[in-house]
Amino acid sequence: MRSLLYVTTFLGMIGLAFWAYQENYKTQDALGEVQKLQRDIGAARERLAVLRAEWAYQNRPDRLRDLADTNFERLGLLPLRPSHFGRVDQVVYPPEPEPVPVEDEAEDQRSGAQQP
């Protein structure tokens, strides 16, 4: 009977060791994937910083002004003046909806509940 207990314990120990071995490799794979993702995120942030710098460089006011002057005949762009903008009093706003009185609403609910 004792030998059966020893064999069962030994087989259990081997099973647990195999399980721990597999879990260790799964963990190592997951950590490797996390490191790869972090490298990818860092590279994407670097690319984004470069693109933002290029955007700022391309959108310099003096450069855009020179381009507008160079291509004036083709584009017909004019400098903005205050007269190109409207005034606030010229904006047409939609009318505000009229509020429903609370008494009428409560009365409608009561009459709706009483009528079958």
Protein backbone atom coordinates (compact mmCIF):
# COMPACT_ATOMS: atom_id res chain seq x y z
CA MET A 1 0.00 0.00 0.00
CA ARG A 2 2.88 2.28 0.79
CA SER A 3 4.46 1.70 -2.60
CA LEU A 4 1.22 2.75 -4.30
CA LEU A 5 1.29 6.02 -2.32
CA TYR A 6 4.95 6.58 -3.30
CA VAL A 7 4.25 5.92 -6.98
CA THR A 8 1.17 8.20 -6.94
CA THR A 9 3.11 10.96 -5.21
CA PHE A 10 6.00 10.57 -7.65
CA LEU A 11 3.66 10.73 -10.66
CA GLY A 12 1.90 13.78 -9.18
CA MET A 13 5.25 15.48 -8.68
CA ILE A 14 6.25 14.75 -12.28
CA GLY A 15 2.90 16.09 -13.52
CA LEU A 16 3.29 19.28 -11.50
CA ALA A 17 6.87 19.73 -12.73
CA PHE A 18 5.69 19.34 -16.34
CA TRP A 19 2.90 21.86 -15.74
CA ALA A 20 5.33 24.36 -14.14
CA TYR A 21 7.73 23.87 -17.07
CA GLN A 22 4.97 24.68 -19.59
CA GLU A 23 3.78 27.70 -17.62
CA ASN A 24 7.35 29.01 -17.43
CA TYR A 25 7.67 28.91 -21.22
CA LYS A 26 4.25 30.49 -21.71
CA THR A 27 5.30 33.29 -19.36
CA GLN A 28 8.58 33.79 -21.22
CA ASP A 29 6.70 33.97 -24.54
CA ALA A 30 4.25 36.52 -23.10
CA LEU A 31 7.12 38.66 -21.76
CA GLY A 32 8.82 38.53 -25.15
CA GLU A 33 5.61 39.65 -26.83
CA VAL A 34 5.25 42.53 -24.37
CA GLN A 35 8.82 43.66 -25.09
CA LYS A 36 8.17 43.50 -28.84
CA LEU A 37 4.99 45.57 -28.43
CA GLN A 38 6.86 48.13 -26.33
CA ARG A 39 9.54 48.43 -29.03
CA ASP A 40 6.82 48.88 -31.66
CA ILE A 41 5.14 51.57 -29.55
CA GLY A 42 8.47 53.38 -29.12
CA ALA A 43 9.12 53.26 -32.88
CA ALA A 44 5.61 54.57 -33.59
CA ARG A 45 6.14 57.44 -31.14
CA GLU A 46 9.42 58.30 -32.86
CA ARG A 47 7.72 58.31 -36.27
CA LEU A 48 4.93 60.47 -34.87
CA ALA A 49 7.44 62.98 -33.48
CA VAL A 50 9.18 63.16 -36.86
CA LEU A 51 5.86 63.67 -38.64
CA ARG A 52 4.87 66.42 -36.21
CA ALA A 53 8.21 68.17 -36.79
CA GLU A 54 7.77 67.89 -40.57
CA TRP A 55 4.22 69.23 -40.29
CA ALA A 56 5.41 72.21 -38.25
CA TYR A 57 8.21 72.84 -40.75
CA GLN A 58 5.90 72.65 -43.77
CA ASN A 59 3.28 74.92 -42.16
CA ARG A 60 5.55 77.83 -41.28
CA PRO A 61 3.68 81.10 -41.97
CA ASP A 62 6.55 82.61 -43.99
CA ARG A 63 6.78 79.50 -46.21
CA LEU A 64 3.01 79.44 -46.78
CA ARG A 65 3.02 83.16 -47.57
CA ASP A 66 5.81 82.66 -50.12
CA LEU A 67 3.89 79.76 -51.71
CA ALA A 68 0.72 81.85 -51.90
CA ASP A 69 2.64 84.72 -53.52
CA THR A 70 4.35 82.39 -56.00
CA ASN A 71 1.09 80.71 -57.02
CA PHE A 72 -1.15 83.78 -56.85
CA GLU A 73 -2.16 83.69 -60.52
CA ARG A 74 -3.05 80.00 -60.43
CA LEU A 75 -4.78 79.89 -57.02
CA GLY A 76 -6.14 83.42 -56.65
CA LEU A 77 -5.57 83.43 -52.88
CA LEU A 78 -5.98 86.74 -51.10
CA PRO A 79 -4.83 87.68 -47.61
CA LEU A 80 -7.53 87.56 -44.94
CA ARG A 81 -8.99 90.86 -43.80
CA PRO A 82 -11.45 91.61 -40.99
CA SER A 83 -14.14 92.32 -43.58
CA HIS A 84 -14.00 88.66 -44.68
CA PHE A 85 -15.50 87.59 -41.34
CA GLY A 86 -19.10 88.03 -40.25
CA ARG A 87 -20.35 89.61 -37.06
CA VAL A 88 -21.98 87.71 -34.22
CA ASP A 89 -25.29 89.54 -34.67
CA GLN A 90 -25.47 88.17 -38.26
CA VAL A 91 -25.61 84.57 -37.06
CA VAL A 92 -29.13 83.10 -37.19
CA TYR A 93 -29.73 80.82 -34.23
CA PRO A 94 -32.66 78.38 -34.16
CA PRO A 95 -35.47 79.38 -31.80
CA GLU A 96 -35.49 77.73 -28.40
CA PRO A 97 -38.26 75.13 -27.98
CA GLU A 98 -41.05 76.17 -25.69
CA PRO A 99 -41.01 74.25 -22.40
CA VAL A 100 -43.95 71.98 -21.66
CA PRO A 101 -45.69 73.02 -18.43
CA VAL A 102 -45.24 70.46 -15.66
CA GLU A 103 -48.94 70.53 -14.69
CA ASP A 104 -50.09 69.56 -18.20
CA GLU A 105 -47.56 66.75 -18.34
CA ALA A 106 -48.69 65.32 -14.99
CA GLU A 107 -52.33 65.67 -16.03
CA ASP A 108 -51.69 63.82 -19.31
CA GLN A 109 -50.04 60.99 -17.41
CA ARG A 110 -52.93 60.70 -14.97
CA SER A 111 -55.56 60.74 -17.69
CA GLY A 112 -53.58 58.24 -19.78
CA ALA A 113 -53.30 55.88 -16.83
CA GLN A 114 -57.04 56.10 -16.07
CA GLN A 115 -58.21 55.51 -19.62
CA PRO A 116 -57.97 51.87 -20.72
